[in-house]
Amino acid sequence: MSPTANSEVVPVVSPPDRWATLPNALCVIRFFGSWVMVGLAVAGFPHWVVGMFLFLAATDWMDGKIAVLLNQRSSIGPKIDTIADVTLYACLLLSLVYLRSEMLLQEFVWIGLAVLSYVGSCVFALKKFGRFPSYHTRAAKTCWFLMIVGVIALFLEWSTWPIRIAMIGVMLTNVEAMMITATLTQPQSDVRSLRQARRKSNRAAS
């Protein structure tokens, strides 16, 4: 017999699409913790707000790694993660309004452009695929680090340049997300880069 005849094709079994996973639990913590952060801002505790933001940002860093390590990836995971991330940064913006409104007004153009770029990315994905983008690109991970530095500098009144650099990074990340949406032929999650999206699109076309 030939080796081909003896070999068997083993189907790849996807992990069950469960809600009750550790990565999803971290996303839920991030969602509700974001509102606690706003409460700390209203109460006038800027240092506690920074601490809470760092903790919640750490959950964002950990959930994806844990999903891979424990083989707990699921189709619902990236969606929950996206909702938690949007809530985190929306609540961060509210916290800035309460605690650093004057500095926020000075950076209104930068922040406004970043928000508009994200809205544009979401509208484009909704129009094409009927769902929000959840690509989690490498550029988005870089922006995660830039945002941490920018938020700390802004809340502690060190400098406004780190948040400006972070907002530029956010705009570029959203531009890449729109290009990924334009490249893909069907909705997908966890697309690391535009290059990977092009490879996926070429494989689907072949």
C-alpha atoms as a PDB file:
ATOM      1  CA  MET A   1       0.000   0.000   0.000  1.00  0.00           C
ATOM      2  CA  SER A   2       1.091   3.519  -0.604  1.00  0.00           C
ATOM      3  CA  PRO A   3       1.605   5.939   2.323  1.00  0.00           C
ATOM      4  CA  THR A   4      -1.375   7.880   1.068  1.00  0.00           C
ATOM      5  CA  ALA A   5      -3.642   4.891   1.435  1.00  0.00           C
ATOM      6  CA  ASN A   6      -2.526   4.220   5.008  1.00  0.00           C
ATOM      7  CA  SER A   7      -2.834   7.813   6.133  1.00  0.00           C
ATOM      8  CA  GLU A   8      -6.028   9.124   7.596  1.00  0.00           C
ATOM      9  CA  VAL A   9      -7.252  12.654   7.536  1.00  0.00           C
ATOM     10  CA  VAL A  10      -7.907  13.776  11.106  1.00  0.00           C
ATOM     11  CA  PRO A  11     -10.514  16.513  11.190  1.00  0.00           C
ATOM     12  CA  VAL A  12      -9.701  19.641  13.147  1.00  0.00           C
ATOM     13  CA  VAL A  13     -12.185  19.964  15.972  1.00  0.00           C
ATOM     14  CA  SER A  14     -12.927  23.539  16.979  1.00  0.00           C
ATOM     15  CA  PRO A  15     -13.253  24.266  20.701  1.00  0.00           C
ATOM     16  CA  PRO A  16     -16.833  24.548  21.936  1.00  0.00           C
ATOM     17  CA  ASP A  17     -18.322  28.020  21.695  1.00  0.00           C
ATOM     18  CA  ARG A  18     -18.825  28.586  25.406  1.00  0.00           C
ATOM     19  CA  TRP A  19     -19.508  31.730  27.397  1.00  0.00           C
ATOM     20  CA  ALA A  20     -18.090  30.355  30.648  1.00  0.00           C
ATOM     21  CA  THR A  21     -14.378  30.698  29.926  1.00  0.00           C
ATOM     22  CA  LEU A  22     -11.638  32.567  31.761  1.00  0.00           C
ATOM     23  CA  PRO A  23     -10.917  34.977  28.855  1.00  0.00           C
ATOM     24  CA  ASN A  24     -14.605  35.884  28.643  1.00  0.00           C
ATOM     25  CA  ALA A  25     -14.706  36.380  32.424  1.00  0.00           C
ATOM     26  CA  LEU A  26     -11.817  38.865  32.109  1.00  0.00           C
ATOM     27  CA  CYS A  27     -13.775  40.739  29.431  1.00  0.00           C
ATOM     28  CA  VAL A  28     -16.803  40.936  31.749  1.00  0.00           C
ATOM     29  CA  ILE A  29     -14.568  42.243  34.539  1.00  0.00           C
ATOM     30  CA  ARG A  30     -13.216  44.869  32.152  1.00  0.00           C
ATOM     31  CA  PHE A  31     -16.733  45.901  31.112  1.00  0.00           C
ATOM     32  CA  PHE A  32     -18.060  46.450  34.640  1.00  0.00           C
ATOM     33  CA  GLY A  33     -14.736  47.717  35.989  1.00  0.00           C
ATOM     34  CA  SER A  34     -14.835  50.498  33.405  1.00  0.00           C
ATOM     35  CA  TRP A  35     -17.931  51.938  35.088  1.00  0.00           C
ATOM     36  CA  VAL A  36     -16.222  51.683  38.471  1.00  0.00           C
ATOM     37  CA  MET A  37     -13.437  53.785  36.957  1.00  0.00           C
ATOM     38  CA  VAL A  38     -15.975  56.493  36.083  1.00  0.00           C
ATOM     39  CA  GLY A  39     -17.266  56.388  39.664  1.00  0.00           C
ATOM     40  CA  LEU A  40     -13.734  56.956  40.950  1.00  0.00           C
ATOM     41  CA  ALA A  41     -13.380  59.908  38.587  1.00  0.00           C
ATOM     42  CA  VAL A  42     -16.658  61.448  39.769  1.00  0.00           C
ATOM     43  CA  ALA A  43     -15.477  60.990  43.355  1.00  0.00           C
ATOM     44  CA  GLY A  44     -12.279  62.895  42.494  1.00  0.00           C
ATOM     45  CA  PHE A  45      -9.603  60.194  42.759  1.00  0.00           C
ATOM     46  CA  PRO A  46      -7.346  60.580  39.679  1.00  0.00           C
ATOM     47  CA  HIS A  47      -4.638  58.229  40.968  1.00  0.00           C
ATOM     48  CA  TRP A  48      -7.225  55.515  41.605  1.00  0.00           C
ATOM     49  CA  VAL A  49      -8.583  56.046  38.101  1.00  0.00           C
ATOM     50  CA  VAL A  50      -5.114  55.501  36.661  1.00  0.00           C
ATOM     51  CA  GLY A  51      -4.677  52.394  38.804  1.00  0.00           C
ATOM     52  CA  MET A  52      -8.036  50.993  37.721  1.00  0.00           C
ATOM     53  CA  PHE A  53      -7.265  51.719  34.073  1.00  0.00           C
ATOM     54  CA  LEU A  54      -3.922  49.908  34.326  1.00  0.00           C
ATOM     55  CA  PHE A  55      -5.637  46.901  35.927  1.00  0.00           C
ATOM     56  CA  LEU A  56      -8.352  46.792  33.250  1.00  0.00           C
ATOM     57  CA  ALA A  57      -5.796  47.254  30.478  1.00  0.00           C
ATOM     58  CA  ALA A  58      -3.880  44.286  31.929  1.00  0.00           C
ATOM     59  CA  THR A  59      -7.010  42.124  31.588  1.00  0.00           C
ATOM     60  CA  ASP A  60      -7.106  43.129  27.922  1.00  0.00           C
ATOM     61  CA  TRP A  61      -3.505  41.963  27.526  1.00  0.00           C
ATOM     62  CA  MET A  62      -4.119  38.685  29.357  1.00  0.00           C
ATOM     63  CA  ASP A  63      -7.408  37.470  27.883  1.00  0.00           C
ATOM     64  CA  GLY A  64      -6.070  36.733  24.408  1.00  0.00           C
ATOM     65  CA  LYS A  65      -2.974  34.981  25.711  1.00  0.00           C
ATOM     66  CA  ILE A  66      -5.027  32.867  28.116  1.00  0.00           C
ATOM     67  CA  ALA A  67      -7.446  31.958  25.318  1.00  0.00           C
ATOM     68  CA  VAL A  68      -4.528  30.555  23.307  1.00  0.00           C
ATOM     69  CA  LEU A  69      -2.790  28.927  26.284  1.00  0.00           C
ATOM     70  CA  LEU A  70      -5.922  27.150  27.550  1.00  0.00           C
ATOM     71  CA  ASN A  71      -7.374  26.550  24.071  1.00  0.00           C
ATOM     72  CA  GLN A  72     -10.466  28.577  24.974  1.00  0.00           C
ATOM     73  CA  ARG A  73     -10.868  30.486  21.720  1.00  0.00           C
ATOM     74  CA  SER A  74     -14.431  30.910  20.534  1.00  0.00           C
ATOM     75  CA  SER A  75     -16.389  32.912  18.007  1.00  0.00           C
ATOM     76  CA  ILE A  76     -18.102  34.881  20.791  1.00  0.00           C
ATOM     77  CA  GLY A  77     -14.817  35.769  22.526  1.00  0.00           C
ATOM     78  CA  PRO A  78     -13.598  38.482  20.118  1.00  0.00           C
ATOM     79  CA  LYS A  79     -17.059  40.077  20.137  1.00  0.00           C
ATOM     80  CA  ILE A  80     -17.152  40.282  23.946  1.00  0.00           C
ATOM     81  CA  ASP A  81     -13.582  41.557  23.916  1.00  0.00           C
ATOM     82  CA  THR A  82     -14.486  44.324  21.451  1.00  0.00           C
ATOM     83  CA  ILE A  83     -17.491  45.412  23.550  1.00  0.00           C
ATOM     84  CA  ALA A  84     -15.342  45.481  26.692  1.00  0.00           C
ATOM     85  CA  ASP A  85     -12.610  47.474  24.929  1.00  0.00           C
ATOM     86  CA  VAL A  86     -15.034  50.062  23.552  1.00  0.00           C
ATOM     87  CA  THR A  87     -16.609  50.416  27.005  1.00  0.00           C
ATOM     88  CA  LEU A  88     -13.199  50.811  28.620  1.00  0.00           C
ATOM     89  CA  TYR A  89     -12.127  53.676  26.361  1.00  0.00           C
ATOM     90  CA  ALA A  90     -15.544  55.333  26.415  1.00  0.00           C
ATOM     91  CA  CYS A  91     -15.464  55.310  30.219  1.00  0.00           C
ATOM     92  CA  LEU A  92     -11.883  56.549  30.138  1.00  0.00           C
ATOM     93  CA  LEU A  93     -13.069  59.503  28.058  1.00  0.00           C
ATOM     94  CA  LEU A  94     -15.843  60.190  30.596  1.00  0.00           C
ATOM     95  CA  SER A  95     -13.293  60.046  33.395  1.00  0.00           C
ATOM     96  CA  LEU A  96     -11.164  62.586  31.571  1.00  0.00           C
ATOM     97  CA  VAL A  97     -14.178  64.873  31.228  1.00  0.00           C
ATOM     98  CA  TYR A  98     -14.660  64.825  35.000  1.00  0.00           C
ATOM     99  CA  LEU A  99     -11.032  65.157  36.033  1.00  0.00           C
ATOM    100  CA  ARG A 100      -9.095  66.813  33.193  1.00  0.00           C
ATOM    101  CA  SER A 101     -11.679  68.745  31.187  1.00  0.00           C
ATOM    102  CA  GLU A 102      -9.334  71.658  30.414  1.00  0.00           C
ATOM    103  CA  MET A 103      -6.590  69.386  29.091  1.00  0.00           C
ATOM    104  CA  LEU A 104      -9.193  67.360  27.222  1.00  0.00           C
ATOM    105  CA  LEU A 105     -10.386  70.488  25.413  1.00  0.00           C
ATOM    106  CA  GLN A 106      -6.803  71.229  24.378  1.00  0.00           C
ATOM    107  CA  GLU A 107      -6.540  67.744  22.848  1.00  0.00           C
ATOM    108  CA  PHE A 108     -10.057  67.768  21.383  1.00  0.00           C
ATOM    109  CA  VAL A 109      -8.900  67.709  17.752  1.00  0.00           C
ATOM    110  CA  TRP A 110      -6.578  64.726  18.256  1.00  0.00           C
ATOM    111  CA  ILE A 111      -9.112  62.749  20.263  1.00  0.00           C
ATOM    112  CA  GLY A 112     -11.959  63.711  17.930  1.00  0.00           C
ATOM    113  CA  LEU A 113     -10.060  62.507  14.853  1.00  0.00           C
ATOM    114  CA  ALA A 114      -9.245  59.214  16.579  1.00  0.00           C
ATOM    115  CA  VAL A 115     -12.893  58.693  17.537  1.00  0.00           C
ATOM    116  CA  LEU A 116     -14.066  59.553  14.018  1.00  0.00           C
ATOM    117  CA  SER A 117     -11.598  57.083  12.520  1.00  0.00           C
ATOM    118  CA  TYR A 118     -12.977  54.342  14.769  1.00  0.00           C
ATOM    119  CA  VAL A 119     -16.569  55.249  13.878  1.00  0.00           C
ATOM    120  CA  GLY A 120     -15.616  55.154  10.205  1.00  0.00           C
ATOM    121  CA  SER A 121     -14.068  51.712  10.614  1.00  0.00           C
ATOM    122  CA  CYS A 122     -17.186  50.410  12.381  1.00  0.00           C
ATOM    123  CA  VAL A 123     -19.598  51.899   9.827  1.00  0.00           C
ATOM    124  CA  PHE A 124     -17.601  50.424   6.946  1.00  0.00           C
ATOM    125  CA  ALA A 125     -17.576  46.953   8.541  1.00  0.00           C
ATOM    126  CA  LEU A 126     -21.282  47.169   9.380  1.00  0.00           C
ATOM    127  CA  LYS A 127     -22.119  48.164   5.829  1.00  0.00           C
ATOM    128  CA  LYS A 128     -20.061  45.348   4.296  1.00  0.00           C
ATOM    129  CA  PHE A 129     -20.479  42.510   6.801  1.00  0.00           C
ATOM    130  CA  GLY A 130     -23.279  43.602   9.123  1.00  0.00           C
ATOM    131  CA  ARG A 131     -21.044  43.407  12.204  1.00  0.00           C
ATOM    132  CA  PHE A 132     -18.425  45.415  14.057  1.00  0.00           C
ATOM    133  CA  PRO A 133     -14.763  44.702  13.290  1.00  0.00           C
ATOM    134  CA  SER A 134     -12.840  42.617  15.851  1.00  0.00           C
ATOM    135  CA  TYR A 135      -9.480  42.130  14.159  1.00  0.00           C
ATOM    136  CA  HIS A 136      -7.134  42.635  17.144  1.00  0.00           C
ATOM    137  CA  THR A 137      -4.230  43.583  14.901  1.00  0.00           C
ATOM    138  CA  ARG A 138      -0.605  44.000  15.924  1.00  0.00           C
ATOM    139  CA  ALA A 139      -1.054  47.752  15.403  1.00  0.00           C
ATOM    140  CA  ALA A 140      -3.933  47.713  17.901  1.00  0.00           C
ATOM    141  CA  LYS A 141      -1.678  46.004  20.443  1.00  0.00           C
ATOM    142  CA  THR A 142       0.930  48.735  19.914  1.00  0.00           C
ATOM    143  CA  CYS A 143      -1.771  51.367  20.479  1.00  0.00           C
ATOM    144  CA  TRP A 144      -2.659  49.582  23.722  1.00  0.00           C
ATOM    145  CA  PHE A 145       0.837  50.373  25.035  1.00  0.00           C
ATOM    146  CA  LEU A 146       0.791  53.934  23.680  1.00  0.00           C
ATOM    147  CA  MET A 147      -2.582  54.560  25.332  1.00  0.00           C
ATOM    148  CA  ILE A 148      -1.282  53.423  28.710  1.00  0.00           C
ATOM    149  CA  VAL A 149       1.633  55.852  28.517  1.00  0.00           C
ATOM    150  CA  GLY A 150      -0.604  58.652  27.229  1.00  0.00           C
ATOM    151  CA  VAL A 151      -3.266  58.170  29.910  1.00  0.00           C
ATOM    152  CA  ILE A 152      -0.737  58.157  32.716  1.00  0.00           C
ATOM    153  CA  ALA A 153       0.908  61.313  31.368  1.00  0.00           C
ATOM    154  CA  LEU A 154      -2.448  63.058  30.922  1.00  0.00           C
ATOM    155  CA  PHE A 155      -3.961  62.171  34.291  1.00  0.00           C
ATOM    156  CA  LEU A 156      -0.802  62.997  36.212  1.00  0.00           C
ATOM    157  CA  GLU A 157      -0.361  66.201  34.141  1.00  0.00           C
ATOM    158  CA  TRP A 158       3.117  65.360  32.886  1.00  0.00           C
ATOM    159  CA  SER A 159       2.712  66.067  29.160  1.00  0.00           C
ATOM    160  CA  THR A 160       0.133  65.990  26.381  1.00  0.00           C
ATOM    161  CA  TRP A 161       2.461  64.641  23.698  1.00  0.00           C
ATOM    162  CA  PRO A 162       2.132  60.947  24.652  1.00  0.00           C
ATOM    163  CA  ILE A 163      -1.669  61.067  24.214  1.00  0.00           C
ATOM    164  CA  ARG A 164      -1.240  62.829  20.863  1.00  0.00           C
ATOM    165  CA  ILE A 165       1.112  60.102  19.674  1.00  0.00           C
ATOM    166  CA  ALA A 166      -1.377  57.496  20.915  1.00  0.00           C
ATOM    167  CA  MET A 167      -4.218  59.164  19.004  1.00  0.00           C
ATOM    168  CA  ILE A 168      -2.144  59.168  15.800  1.00  0.00           C
ATOM    169  CA  GLY A 169      -1.522  55.466  16.379  1.00  0.00           C
ATOM    170  CA  VAL A 170      -5.257  54.891  16.841  1.00  0.00           C
ATOM    171  CA  MET A 171      -6.033  56.664  13.568  1.00  0.00           C
ATOM    172  CA  LEU A 172      -3.473  54.607  11.647  1.00  0.00           C
ATOM    173  CA  THR A 173      -4.779  51.417  13.256  1.00  0.00           C
ATOM    174  CA  ASN A 174      -8.328  52.237  12.201  1.00  0.00           C
ATOM    175  CA  VAL A 175      -7.197  53.015   8.667  1.00  0.00           C
ATOM    176  CA  GLU A 176      -5.582  49.575   8.531  1.00  0.00           C
ATOM    177  CA  ALA A 177      -8.800  48.038   9.908  1.00  0.00           C
ATOM    178  CA  MET A 178     -10.784  49.648   7.085  1.00  0.00           C
ATOM    179  CA  MET A 179      -8.298  48.307   4.546  1.00  0.00           C
ATOM    180  CA  ILE A 180      -8.639  44.843   6.092  1.00  0.00           C
ATOM    181  CA  THR A 181     -12.421  45.104   5.809  1.00  0.00           C
ATOM    182  CA  ALA A 182     -12.073  46.106   2.163  1.00  0.00           C
ATOM    183  CA  THR A 183      -9.738  43.151   1.521  1.00  0.00           C
ATOM    184  CA  LEU A 184     -11.715  40.369   3.219  1.00  0.00           C
ATOM    185  CA  THR A 185     -14.548  38.650   1.373  1.00  0.00           C
ATOM    186  CA  GLN A 186     -16.274  37.469   4.563  1.00  0.00           C
ATOM    187  CA  PRO A 187     -16.264  38.603   8.218  1.00  0.00           C
ATOM    188  CA  GLN A 188     -13.390  37.267  10.304  1.00  0.00           C
ATOM    189  CA  SER A 189     -11.932  37.852  13.763  1.00  0.00           C
ATOM    190  CA  ASP A 190      -8.340  37.960  14.980  1.00  0.00           C
ATOM    191  CA  VAL A 191      -6.767  39.157  11.740  1.00  0.00           C
ATOM    192  CA  ARG A 192      -3.304  40.291  12.771  1.00  0.00           C
ATOM    193  CA  SER A 193      -2.461  42.561   9.854  1.00  0.00           C
ATOM    194  CA  LEU A 194      -3.447  43.726   6.388  1.00  0.00           C
ATOM    195  CA  ARG A 195      -0.886  41.325   4.966  1.00  0.00           C
ATOM    196  CA  GLN A 196      -2.569  38.385   6.676  1.00  0.00           C
ATOM    197  CA  ALA A 197      -5.962  39.576   5.416  1.00  0.00           C
ATOM    198  CA  ARG A 198      -4.620  39.574   1.856  1.00  0.00           C
ATOM    199  CA  ARG A 199      -3.330  36.025   2.281  1.00  0.00           C
ATOM    200  CA  LYS A 200      -6.716  34.898   3.589  1.00  0.00           C
ATOM    201  CA  SER A 201      -8.465  36.605   0.701  1.00  0.00           C
ATOM    202  CA  ASN A 202      -6.137  35.013  -1.871  1.00  0.00           C
ATOM    203  CA  ARG A 203      -6.664  31.551  -0.392  1.00  0.00           C
ATOM    204  CA  ALA A 204     -10.427  32.040  -0.465  1.00  0.00           C
ATOM    205  CA  ALA A 205     -10.284  33.097  -4.113  1.00  0.00           C
ATOM    206  CA  SER A 206      -8.115  30.150  -5.198  1.00  0.00           C
END
